[in-house]
């Protein structure tokens, strides 16, 4: 996901280029060490300060089900927008000043190559925040023994209530005789 932007840097503000994204990402999380294929589309636009990168991408991630913890494959789609700044003047070859606030991964290298790999990896990490379900009717895990209830019922006693709520049960008249 490397793009040579030397020609685009020589053009006027507002000049654009469109490219397809196809590659692999690594080290997204413990469930997705890589390679994880990523595909998408990107638009590069010349700005007064550098190159604005806008696009969307899709990755196939392996995530734990939020109820039963079984691995499930989900497609994560995300949009991104970042501005990359050149580190070398494209016409003179002089080093450009790098401000302390400039993030290293958002700099165009000395060969005028813009690398989207780290930016896409970071957006893919953010896309893993909300794990899905293995199926809509997932029964989850038993809170007592931890058995996967999708594989069948467990032998645990379920009628045991929370002893901290016993006073409320008396008030409501729903006290059970399980103690």
N, C-alpha and C. Protein backbone atom coordinates (compact mmCIF):
# COMPACT_ATOMS: atom_id res chain seq x y z
N UNK A 1 0.81 -1.15 0.00
CA UNK A 1 0.00 0.00 0.00
C UNK A 1 0.88 1.24 0.00
N UNK A 2 1.81 1.19 -0.94
CA UNK A 2 2.74 2.30 -1.14
C UNK A 2 2.35 3.04 -2.41
N UNK A 3 2.35 4.37 -2.34
CA UNK A 3 1.99 5.19 -3.49
C UNK A 3 3.05 6.25 -3.70
N UNK A 4 3.63 6.31 -4.89
CA UNK A 4 4.58 7.36 -5.22
C UNK A 4 3.78 8.60 -5.59
N UNK A 5 3.95 9.67 -4.80
CA UNK A 5 3.16 10.88 -4.98
C UNK A 5 4.01 12.06 -5.48
N UNK A 6 5.18 11.79 -6.04
CA UNK A 6 6.05 12.86 -6.52
C UNK A 6 5.34 13.73 -7.56
N UNK A 7 4.68 13.11 -8.52
CA UNK A 7 3.98 13.87 -9.55
C UNK A 7 2.82 14.68 -8.96
N UNK A 8 2.09 14.09 -8.04
CA UNK A 8 0.97 14.78 -7.42
C UNK A 8 1.45 15.97 -6.60
N UNK A 9 2.60 15.85 -5.94
CA UNK A 9 3.15 16.96 -5.15
C UNK A 9 3.56 18.13 -6.04
N UNK A 10 3.86 17.87 -7.30
CA UNK A 10 4.26 18.94 -8.23
C UNK A 10 3.04 19.64 -8.84
N UNK A 11 1.87 19.07 -8.70
CA UNK A 11 0.67 19.66 -9.26
C UNK A 11 0.05 20.65 -8.29
N UNK A 12 -0.95 21.38 -8.76
CA UNK A 12 -1.61 22.39 -7.95
C UNK A 12 -2.54 21.80 -6.91
N UNK A 13 -2.92 22.66 -5.97
CA UNK A 13 -3.84 22.27 -4.92
C UNK A 13 -5.16 21.84 -5.54
N UNK A 14 -5.68 20.71 -5.10
CA UNK A 14 -6.94 20.18 -5.61
C UNK A 14 -6.77 19.04 -6.61
N UNK A 15 -5.56 18.82 -7.11
CA UNK A 15 -5.31 17.70 -8.03
C UNK A 15 -5.54 16.39 -7.27
N UNK A 16 -6.12 15.41 -7.97
CA UNK A 16 -6.45 14.14 -7.30
C UNK A 16 -5.98 12.94 -8.09
N UNK A 17 -5.84 11.83 -7.38
CA UNK A 17 -5.57 10.52 -7.97
C UNK A 17 -6.40 9.50 -7.21
N UNK A 18 -6.95 8.52 -7.91
CA UNK A 18 -7.71 7.44 -7.29
C UNK A 18 -6.94 6.14 -7.46
N UNK A 19 -6.92 5.35 -6.42
CA UNK A 19 -6.21 4.07 -6.45
C UNK A 19 -7.01 3.01 -5.70
N UNK A 20 -6.83 1.76 -6.09
CA UNK A 20 -7.37 0.64 -5.33
C UNK A 20 -6.36 0.25 -4.27
N UNK A 21 -6.86 -0.25 -3.17
CA UNK A 21 -6.01 -0.75 -2.08
C UNK A 21 -6.11 -2.26 -2.08
N UNK A 22 -4.99 -2.92 -2.04
CA UNK A 22 -4.94 -4.38 -1.91
C UNK A 22 -3.62 -4.73 -1.24
N UNK A 23 -3.72 -5.39 -0.12
CA UNK A 23 -2.50 -5.76 0.59
C UNK A 23 -2.82 -6.58 1.82
N UNK A 24 -1.84 -6.63 2.72
CA UNK A 24 -1.99 -7.40 3.95
C UNK A 24 -1.54 -6.56 5.13
N UNK A 25 -2.23 -6.76 6.26
CA UNK A 25 -1.89 -6.08 7.49
C UNK A 25 -1.43 -7.11 8.52
N UNK A 26 -0.57 -6.67 9.43
CA UNK A 26 -0.05 -7.53 10.48
C UNK A 26 -0.25 -6.88 11.84
N UNK A 27 -0.30 -7.70 12.88
CA UNK A 27 -0.35 -7.24 14.28
C UNK A 27 -1.56 -6.38 14.59
N UNK A 28 -2.73 -6.78 14.13
CA UNK A 28 -3.95 -6.03 14.46
C UNK A 28 -4.32 -6.28 15.92
N UNK A 29 -4.38 -7.54 16.32
CA UNK A 29 -4.61 -7.90 17.71
C UNK A 29 -4.20 -9.36 17.91
N UNK A 30 -4.45 -9.90 19.10
CA UNK A 30 -4.03 -11.27 19.40
C UNK A 30 -4.73 -12.30 18.52
N UNK A 31 -5.96 -12.01 18.08
CA UNK A 31 -6.70 -12.94 17.24
C UNK A 31 -6.35 -12.80 15.77
N UNK A 32 -5.72 -11.70 15.41
CA UNK A 32 -5.39 -11.40 14.00
C UNK A 32 -3.93 -10.95 13.87
N UNK A 33 -2.99 -11.89 14.09
CA UNK A 33 -1.58 -11.49 14.00
C UNK A 33 -1.14 -11.22 12.56
N UNK A 34 -1.85 -11.77 11.61
CA UNK A 34 -1.54 -11.53 10.20
C UNK A 34 -1.09 -12.79 9.51
N UNK A 35 -1.06 -12.76 8.22
CA UNK A 35 -1.51 -11.67 7.36
C UNK A 35 -3.03 -11.59 7.28
N UNK A 36 -3.55 -10.37 7.34
CA UNK A 36 -4.97 -10.11 7.21
C UNK A 36 -5.16 -9.31 5.92
N UNK A 37 -5.87 -9.87 4.94
CA UNK A 37 -6.06 -9.14 3.67
C UNK A 37 -6.91 -7.89 3.87
N UNK A 38 -6.53 -6.83 3.18
CA UNK A 38 -7.27 -5.58 3.21
C UNK A 38 -7.49 -5.12 1.77
N UNK A 39 -8.70 -4.70 1.46
CA UNK A 39 -9.04 -4.19 0.13
C UNK A 39 -9.86 -2.92 0.30
N UNK A 40 -9.78 -2.05 -0.69
CA UNK A 40 -10.55 -0.82 -0.62
C UNK A 40 -10.20 0.12 -1.75
N UNK A 41 -10.54 1.36 -1.54
CA UNK A 41 -10.33 2.40 -2.55
C UNK A 41 -9.87 3.66 -1.82
N UNK A 42 -8.98 4.43 -2.45
CA UNK A 42 -8.44 5.62 -1.84
C UNK A 42 -8.38 6.75 -2.88
N UNK A 43 -8.61 7.98 -2.40
CA UNK A 43 -8.48 9.18 -3.23
C UNK A 43 -7.40 10.04 -2.59
N UNK A 44 -6.39 10.39 -3.36
CA UNK A 44 -5.30 11.25 -2.90
C UNK A 44 -5.54 12.64 -3.49
N UNK A 45 -5.57 13.65 -2.65
CA UNK A 45 -5.84 15.02 -3.09
C UNK A 45 -4.70 15.92 -2.62
N UNK A 46 -4.17 16.72 -3.53
CA UNK A 46 -3.10 17.67 -3.20
C UNK A 46 -3.69 18.80 -2.37
N UNK A 47 -3.06 19.10 -1.23
CA UNK A 47 -3.46 20.20 -0.36
C UNK A 47 -2.28 21.17 -0.27
N UNK A 48 -2.48 22.34 0.33
CA UNK A 48 -1.35 23.26 0.49
C UNK A 48 -0.21 22.68 1.33
N UNK A 49 -0.54 21.76 2.25
CA UNK A 49 0.48 21.19 3.15
C UNK A 49 0.99 19.83 2.74
N UNK A 50 0.32 19.15 1.83
CA UNK A 50 0.73 17.80 1.47
C UNK A 50 -0.31 17.08 0.66
N UNK A 51 -0.68 15.88 1.12
CA UNK A 51 -1.63 15.02 0.41
C UNK A 51 -2.72 14.58 1.40
N UNK A 52 -3.97 14.86 1.06
CA UNK A 52 -5.10 14.38 1.85
C UNK A 52 -5.49 13.02 1.30
N UNK A 53 -5.57 12.04 2.19
CA UNK A 53 -5.92 10.67 1.82
C UNK A 53 -7.29 10.37 2.39
N UNK A 54 -8.25 10.06 1.52
CA UNK A 54 -9.59 9.68 1.93
C UNK A 54 -9.92 8.35 1.29
N UNK A 55 -10.55 7.48 2.04
CA UNK A 55 -10.90 6.19 1.45
C UNK A 55 -11.72 5.33 2.36
N UNK A 56 -11.96 4.13 1.87
CA UNK A 56 -12.65 3.12 2.66
C UNK A 56 -11.96 1.79 2.41
N UNK A 57 -12.04 0.93 3.42
CA UNK A 57 -11.37 -0.37 3.32
C UNK A 57 -12.18 -1.42 4.05
N UNK A 58 -11.90 -2.67 3.72
CA UNK A 58 -12.58 -3.82 4.32
C UNK A 58 -11.53 -4.85 4.70
N UNK A 59 -11.64 -5.40 5.90
CA UNK A 59 -10.75 -6.46 6.35
C UNK A 59 -11.59 -7.59 6.93
N UNK A 60 -11.12 -8.82 6.75
CA UNK A 60 -11.77 -10.00 7.34
C UNK A 60 -11.04 -10.31 8.64
N UNK A 61 -11.72 -10.10 9.76
CA UNK A 61 -11.11 -10.29 11.07
C UNK A 61 -11.70 -11.49 11.79
N UNK A 62 -10.88 -12.17 12.55
CA UNK A 62 -11.33 -13.24 13.42
C UNK A 62 -11.48 -12.62 14.80
N UNK A 63 -12.70 -12.72 15.35
CA UNK A 63 -13.00 -12.13 16.64
C UNK A 63 -13.71 -13.14 17.52
N UNK A 64 -13.59 -13.01 18.84
CA UNK A 64 -14.35 -13.90 19.72
C UNK A 64 -15.80 -13.46 19.79
N UNK A 65 -16.71 -14.42 19.81
CA UNK A 65 -18.13 -14.12 20.01
C UNK A 65 -18.28 -13.46 21.38
N UNK A 66 -19.08 -12.43 21.47
CA UNK A 66 -19.20 -11.71 22.73
C UNK A 66 -19.99 -12.48 23.79
N UNK A 67 -20.63 -13.58 23.42
CA UNK A 67 -21.37 -14.38 24.39
C UNK A 67 -20.68 -15.69 24.75
N UNK A 68 -20.16 -16.42 23.74
CA UNK A 68 -19.60 -17.74 24.02
C UNK A 68 -18.08 -17.82 23.80
N UNK A 69 -17.48 -16.78 23.28
CA UNK A 69 -16.03 -16.68 23.05
C UNK A 69 -15.49 -17.57 21.94
N UNK A 70 -16.37 -18.21 21.16
CA UNK A 70 -15.92 -18.99 20.01
C UNK A 70 -15.44 -18.02 18.93
N UNK A 71 -14.45 -18.44 18.16
CA UNK A 71 -13.93 -17.59 17.09
C UNK A 71 -14.94 -17.49 15.96
N UNK A 72 -15.10 -16.27 15.46
CA UNK A 72 -16.03 -16.02 14.36
C UNK A 72 -15.36 -15.02 13.40
N UNK A 73 -15.58 -15.24 12.11
CA UNK A 73 -14.99 -14.35 11.11
C UNK A 73 -15.99 -13.26 10.76
N UNK A 74 -15.56 -12.00 10.88
CA UNK A 74 -16.41 -10.86 10.58
C UNK A 74 -15.70 -9.93 9.60
N UNK A 75 -16.48 -9.28 8.76
CA UNK A 75 -15.93 -8.27 7.87
C UNK A 75 -16.05 -6.93 8.56
N UNK A 76 -14.93 -6.26 8.72
CA UNK A 76 -14.92 -4.93 9.31
C UNK A 76 -14.69 -3.93 8.19
N UNK A 77 -15.58 -2.97 8.08
CA UNK A 77 -15.46 -1.92 7.08
C UNK A 77 -15.25 -0.60 7.80
N UNK A 78 -14.39 0.22 7.26
CA UNK A 78 -14.13 1.51 7.88
C UNK A 78 -13.74 2.54 6.83
N UNK A 79 -14.02 3.79 7.14
CA UNK A 79 -13.60 4.91 6.31
C UNK A 79 -12.46 5.60 7.03
N UNK A 80 -11.58 6.23 6.28
CA UNK A 80 -10.46 6.93 6.89
C UNK A 80 -10.17 8.22 6.13
N UNK A 81 -9.54 9.14 6.83
CA UNK A 81 -9.14 10.42 6.26
C UNK A 81 -7.95 10.93 7.05
N UNK A 82 -6.84 11.10 6.39
CA UNK A 82 -5.61 11.58 7.03
C UNK A 82 -4.86 12.47 6.05
N UNK A 83 -4.11 13.43 6.58
CA UNK A 83 -3.28 14.27 5.72
C UNK A 83 -1.81 13.91 5.94
N UNK A 84 -1.15 13.55 4.86
CA UNK A 84 0.27 13.21 4.89
C UNK A 84 1.07 14.44 4.46
N UNK A 85 2.21 14.65 5.12
CA UNK A 85 3.06 15.80 4.80
C UNK A 85 4.40 15.31 4.25
N UNK A 86 4.94 16.01 3.24
CA UNK A 86 6.23 15.61 2.69
C UNK A 86 7.37 15.93 3.64
N UNK A 87 8.42 15.12 3.59
CA UNK A 87 9.62 15.37 4.40
C UNK A 87 10.73 16.00 3.57
N UNK A 88 10.59 15.93 2.24
CA UNK A 88 11.56 16.49 1.29
C UNK A 88 10.80 17.33 0.27
N UNK A 89 11.33 18.51 -0.04
CA UNK A 89 10.73 19.32 -1.09
C UNK A 89 10.92 18.61 -2.42
N UNK A 90 9.84 18.40 -3.17
CA UNK A 90 9.88 17.61 -4.39
C UNK A 90 10.67 18.32 -5.50
N UNK A 91 10.73 19.65 -5.47
CA UNK A 91 11.43 20.38 -6.53
C UNK A 91 12.89 20.63 -6.21
N UNK A 92 13.21 20.98 -4.97
CA UNK A 92 14.60 21.33 -4.62
C UNK A 92 15.36 20.18 -3.96
N UNK A 93 14.65 19.24 -3.38
CA UNK A 93 15.30 18.14 -2.66
C UNK A 93 15.72 18.54 -1.25
N UNK A 94 15.36 19.74 -0.81
CA UNK A 94 15.72 20.22 0.52
C UNK A 94 14.84 19.56 1.58
N UNK A 95 15.43 19.34 2.73
CA UNK A 95 14.66 18.79 3.86
C UNK A 95 13.63 19.81 4.31
N UNK A 96 12.43 19.36 4.55
CA UNK A 96 11.38 20.23 5.07
C UNK A 96 11.34 20.09 6.58
N UNK A 97 11.01 21.17 7.28
CA UNK A 97 10.96 21.09 8.75
C UNK A 97 9.85 20.16 9.22
N UNK A 98 10.19 19.34 10.18
CA UNK A 98 9.22 18.42 10.77
C UNK A 98 8.87 18.96 12.15
N UNK A 99 7.60 19.26 12.35
CA UNK A 99 7.12 19.79 13.62
C UNK A 99 6.96 18.62 14.59
N UNK A 100 7.13 18.88 15.86
CA UNK A 100 7.02 17.82 16.88
C UNK A 100 5.64 17.17 16.87
N UNK A 101 4.61 17.92 16.46
CA UNK A 101 3.26 17.37 16.42
C UNK A 101 3.04 16.42 15.26
N UNK A 102 3.91 16.45 14.25
CA UNK A 102 3.75 15.59 13.08
C UNK A 102 4.00 14.13 13.47
N UNK A 103 3.04 13.28 13.15
CA UNK A 103 3.18 11.86 13.45
C UNK A 103 4.04 11.21 12.37
N UNK A 104 4.95 10.36 12.79
CA UNK A 104 5.89 9.72 11.87
C UNK A 104 5.20 8.97 10.74
N UNK A 105 4.10 8.26 11.08
CA UNK A 105 3.42 7.47 10.06
C UNK A 105 2.67 8.33 9.04
N UNK A 106 2.55 9.64 9.30
CA UNK A 106 1.86 10.54 8.37
C UNK A 106 2.84 11.39 7.57
N UNK A 107 4.09 10.96 7.50
CA UNK A 107 5.09 11.67 6.70
C UNK A 107 5.35 10.90 5.40
N UNK A 108 5.48 11.65 4.32
CA UNK A 108 5.86 11.07 3.03
C UNK A 108 7.38 10.98 3.03
N UNK A 109 7.93 9.82 2.70
CA UNK A 109 9.37 9.62 2.84
C UNK A 109 10.20 10.40 1.81
N UNK A 110 11.51 10.27 1.91
CA UNK A 110 12.43 11.04 1.07
C UNK A 110 12.37 10.66 -0.41
N UNK A 111 11.73 9.53 -0.72
CA UNK A 111 11.55 9.11 -2.12
C UNK A 111 10.15 9.46 -2.62
N UNK A 112 9.42 10.28 -1.83
CA UNK A 112 8.07 10.74 -2.16
C UNK A 112 7.08 9.58 -2.22
N UNK A 113 7.29 8.61 -1.35
CA UNK A 113 6.40 7.45 -1.26
C UNK A 113 5.53 7.59 -0.02
N UNK A 114 4.23 7.51 -0.23
CA UNK A 114 3.24 7.59 0.84
C UNK A 114 2.88 6.16 1.22
N UNK A 115 3.07 5.80 2.48
CA UNK A 115 2.82 4.44 2.96
C UNK A 115 1.55 4.42 3.83
N UNK A 116 0.51 3.75 3.35
CA UNK A 116 -0.77 3.68 4.07
C UNK A 116 -0.84 2.53 5.07
N UNK A 117 0.16 1.67 5.11
CA UNK A 117 0.08 0.44 5.88
C UNK A 117 -0.23 0.68 7.35
N UNK A 118 0.51 1.53 8.03
CA UNK A 118 0.30 1.76 9.46
C UNK A 118 -1.02 2.45 9.73
N UNK A 119 -1.42 3.37 8.89
CA UNK A 119 -2.70 4.04 9.07
C UNK A 119 -3.84 3.04 8.95
N UNK A 120 -3.79 2.17 7.95
CA UNK A 120 -4.84 1.15 7.78
C UNK A 120 -4.84 0.17 8.95
N UNK A 121 -3.67 -0.19 9.46
CA UNK A 121 -3.60 -1.09 10.61
C UNK A 121 -4.27 -0.47 11.83
N UNK A 122 -4.02 0.83 12.05
CA UNK A 122 -4.62 1.50 13.20
C UNK A 122 -6.14 1.59 13.07
N UNK A 123 -6.63 1.86 11.88
CA UNK A 123 -8.08 1.89 11.67
C UNK A 123 -8.68 0.50 11.83
N UNK A 124 -7.96 -0.54 11.40
CA UNK A 124 -8.45 -1.91 11.57
C UNK A 124 -8.50 -2.28 13.05
N UNK A 125 -7.53 -1.81 13.84
CA UNK A 125 -7.55 -2.05 15.29
C UNK A 125 -8.79 -1.41 15.90
N UNK A 126 -9.12 -0.19 15.48
CA UNK A 126 -10.32 0.47 16.00
C UNK A 126 -11.59 -0.26 15.57
N UNK A 127 -11.57 -0.91 14.42
CA UNK A 127 -12.75 -1.63 13.93
C UNK A 127 -13.00 -2.91 14.73
N UNK A 128 -12.04 -3.38 15.51
CA UNK A 128 -12.20 -4.60 16.30
C UNK A 128 -12.82 -4.33 17.67
N UNK A 129 -13.19 -3.10 17.97
CA UNK A 129 -13.74 -2.75 19.28
C UNK A 129 -15.03 -3.47 19.63
N UNK A 130 -15.90 -3.70 18.67
CA UNK A 130 -17.21 -4.28 18.96
C UNK A 130 -17.32 -5.68 18.36
N UNK A 131 -16.97 -6.71 19.14
CA UNK A 131 -17.08 -8.06 18.60
C UNK A 131 -18.52 -8.45 18.35
N UNK A 132 -18.71 -9.31 17.39
CA UNK A 132 -20.06 -9.73 17.02
C UNK A 132 -20.45 -11.02 17.71
N UNK A 133 -21.49 -11.63 17.17
CA UNK A 133 -21.99 -12.90 17.67
C UNK A 133 -21.67 -14.00 16.67
N UNK A 134 -21.50 -15.22 17.17
CA UNK A 134 -21.26 -16.35 16.27
C UNK A 134 -22.55 -16.68 15.51
N UNK A 135 -23.70 -16.43 16.16
CA UNK A 135 -25.01 -16.57 15.53
C UNK A 135 -26.01 -15.78 16.38
N UNK A 136 -27.12 -15.36 15.81
CA UNK A 136 -28.06 -14.51 16.55
C UNK A 136 -28.63 -15.15 17.81
N UNK A 137 -28.79 -16.46 17.84
CA UNK A 137 -29.37 -17.13 19.00
C UNK A 137 -28.32 -17.78 19.90
N UNK A 138 -27.13 -17.21 19.95
CA UNK A 138 -26.04 -17.75 20.77
C UNK A 138 -26.48 -17.77 22.24
N UNK A 139 -26.29 -18.91 22.90
CA UNK A 139 -26.69 -19.08 24.31
C UNK A 139 -25.62 -18.65 25.29
N UNK A 140 -24.39 -18.43 24.83
CA UNK A 140 -23.32 -17.96 25.70
C UNK A 140 -22.73 -19.04 26.57
N UNK A 141 -22.12 -18.62 27.67
CA UNK A 141 -21.46 -19.52 28.60
C UNK A 141 -22.25 -19.59 29.91
N UNK A 142 -22.16 -20.72 30.56
CA UNK A 142 -22.78 -20.86 31.88
C UNK A 142 -22.01 -19.97 32.85
N UNK A 143 -22.71 -19.15 33.63
CA UNK A 143 -22.00 -18.27 34.57
C UNK A 143 -21.39 -19.00 35.76
N UNK A 144 -21.78 -20.27 35.95
CA UNK A 144 -21.25 -21.03 37.08
C UNK A 144 -20.05 -21.87 36.67
N UNK A 145 -20.22 -22.72 35.64
CA UNK A 145 -19.14 -23.64 35.27
C UNK A 145 -18.38 -23.22 34.02
N UNK A 146 -18.94 -22.31 33.23
CA UNK A 146 -18.25 -21.82 32.03
C UNK A 146 -18.45 -22.66 30.79
N UNK A 147 -19.36 -23.66 30.84
CA UNK A 147 -19.60 -24.51 29.67
C UNK A 147 -20.29 -23.71 28.58
N UNK A 148 -19.93 -23.99 27.33
CA UNK A 148 -20.57 -23.36 26.19
C UNK A 148 -21.97 -23.95 26.06
N UNK A 149 -23.00 -23.13 26.30
CA UNK A 149 -24.39 -23.61 26.30
C UNK A 149 -24.92 -23.88 24.90
N UNK A 150 -24.18 -23.51 23.86
CA UNK A 150 -24.56 -23.87 22.49
C UNK A 150 -24.36 -25.36 22.25
N UNK A 151 -23.51 -26.00 23.05
CA UNK A 151 -23.22 -27.43 22.92
C UNK A 151 -24.18 -28.28 23.75
N UNK A 152 -25.06 -27.64 24.48
CA UNK A 152 -26.02 -28.36 25.31
C UNK A 152 -26.06 -27.81 26.71
N UNK A 153 -27.05 -28.20 27.50
CA UNK A 153 -27.16 -27.68 28.87
C UNK A 153 -26.08 -28.26 29.78
N UNK A 154 -25.80 -27.54 30.83
CA UNK A 154 -24.83 -28.02 31.81
C UNK A 154 -25.59 -28.58 33.02
N UNK A 155 -24.87 -29.10 33.99
CA UNK A 155 -25.48 -29.73 35.16
C UNK A 155 -25.55 -28.79 36.36
N UNK A 156 -25.34 -27.51 36.14
CA UNK A 156 -25.32 -26.54 37.25
C UNK A 156 -26.72 -26.22 37.74
N UNK A 157 -26.83 -25.91 39.03
CA UNK A 157 -28.09 -25.47 39.64
C UNK A 157 -28.28 -24.01 39.29
N UNK A 158 -29.37 -23.69 38.62
CA UNK A 158 -29.60 -22.32 38.15
C UNK A 158 -30.53 -21.53 39.07
N UNK A 159 -31.23 -22.20 40.00
CA UNK A 159 -32.23 -21.52 40.81
C UNK A 159 -31.62 -20.68 41.92
N UNK A 160 -30.33 -20.78 42.13
CA UNK A 160 -29.67 -20.02 43.19
C UNK A 160 -29.69 -18.55 42.83
N UNK A 161 -30.29 -17.74 43.70
CA UNK A 161 -30.34 -16.30 43.46
C UNK A 161 -29.16 -15.60 44.10
N UNK A 162 -29.05 -14.35 43.79
CA UNK A 162 -27.99 -13.54 44.37
C UNK A 162 -28.37 -13.22 45.81
N UNK A 163 -27.55 -13.65 46.80
CA UNK A 163 -27.91 -13.41 48.21
C UNK A 163 -27.99 -11.92 48.55
N UNK A 164 -27.35 -11.07 47.79
CA UNK A 164 -27.41 -9.63 48.06
C UNK A 164 -28.80 -9.06 47.76
N UNK A 165 -29.60 -9.78 46.97
CA UNK A 165 -30.93 -9.31 46.61
C UNK A 165 -32.03 -10.00 47.41
N UNK A 166 -31.69 -10.78 48.42
CA UNK A 166 -32.67 -11.52 49.20
C UNK A 166 -33.67 -10.60 49.90
N UNK A 167 -33.23 -9.46 50.40
CA UNK A 167 -34.12 -8.52 51.08
C UNK A 167 -35.16 -7.98 50.10
N UNK A 168 -34.74 -7.68 48.88
CA UNK A 168 -35.68 -7.21 47.86
C UNK A 168 -36.67 -8.31 47.49
N UNK A 169 -36.22 -9.55 47.44
CA UNK A 169 -37.10 -10.67 47.12
C UNK A 169 -38.18 -10.81 48.18
N UNK A 170 -37.82 -10.58 49.46
CA UNK A 170 -38.82 -10.64 50.52
C UNK A 170 -39.87 -9.56 50.35
N UNK A 171 -39.43 -8.35 50.00
CA UNK A 171 -40.35 -7.24 49.81
C UNK A 171 -41.31 -7.50 48.66
N UNK A 172 -40.85 -8.13 47.63
CA UNK A 172 -41.68 -8.40 46.47
C UNK A 172 -42.49 -9.69 46.62
N UNK A 173 -42.18 -10.45 47.65
CA UNK A 173 -42.89 -11.70 47.87
C UNK A 173 -42.50 -12.78 46.89
N UNK A 174 -41.30 -12.71 46.32
CA UNK A 174 -40.84 -13.71 45.37
C UNK A 174 -39.68 -14.52 45.93
N UNK A 175 -39.57 -14.56 47.24
CA UNK A 175 -38.46 -15.27 47.84
C UNK A 175 -38.55 -16.75 47.52
N UNK A 176 -37.45 -17.33 47.06
CA UNK A 176 -37.44 -18.76 46.75
C UNK A 176 -36.80 -19.52 47.91
N UNK A 177 -37.15 -20.76 48.03
CA UNK A 177 -36.62 -21.60 49.12
C UNK A 177 -35.45 -22.43 48.63
N UNK A 178 -34.49 -21.79 47.99
CA UNK A 178 -33.33 -22.52 47.47
C UNK A 178 -32.16 -22.49 48.41
N UNK A 179 -32.27 -21.77 49.52
CA UNK A 179 -31.12 -21.69 50.42
C UNK A 179 -31.15 -22.74 51.48
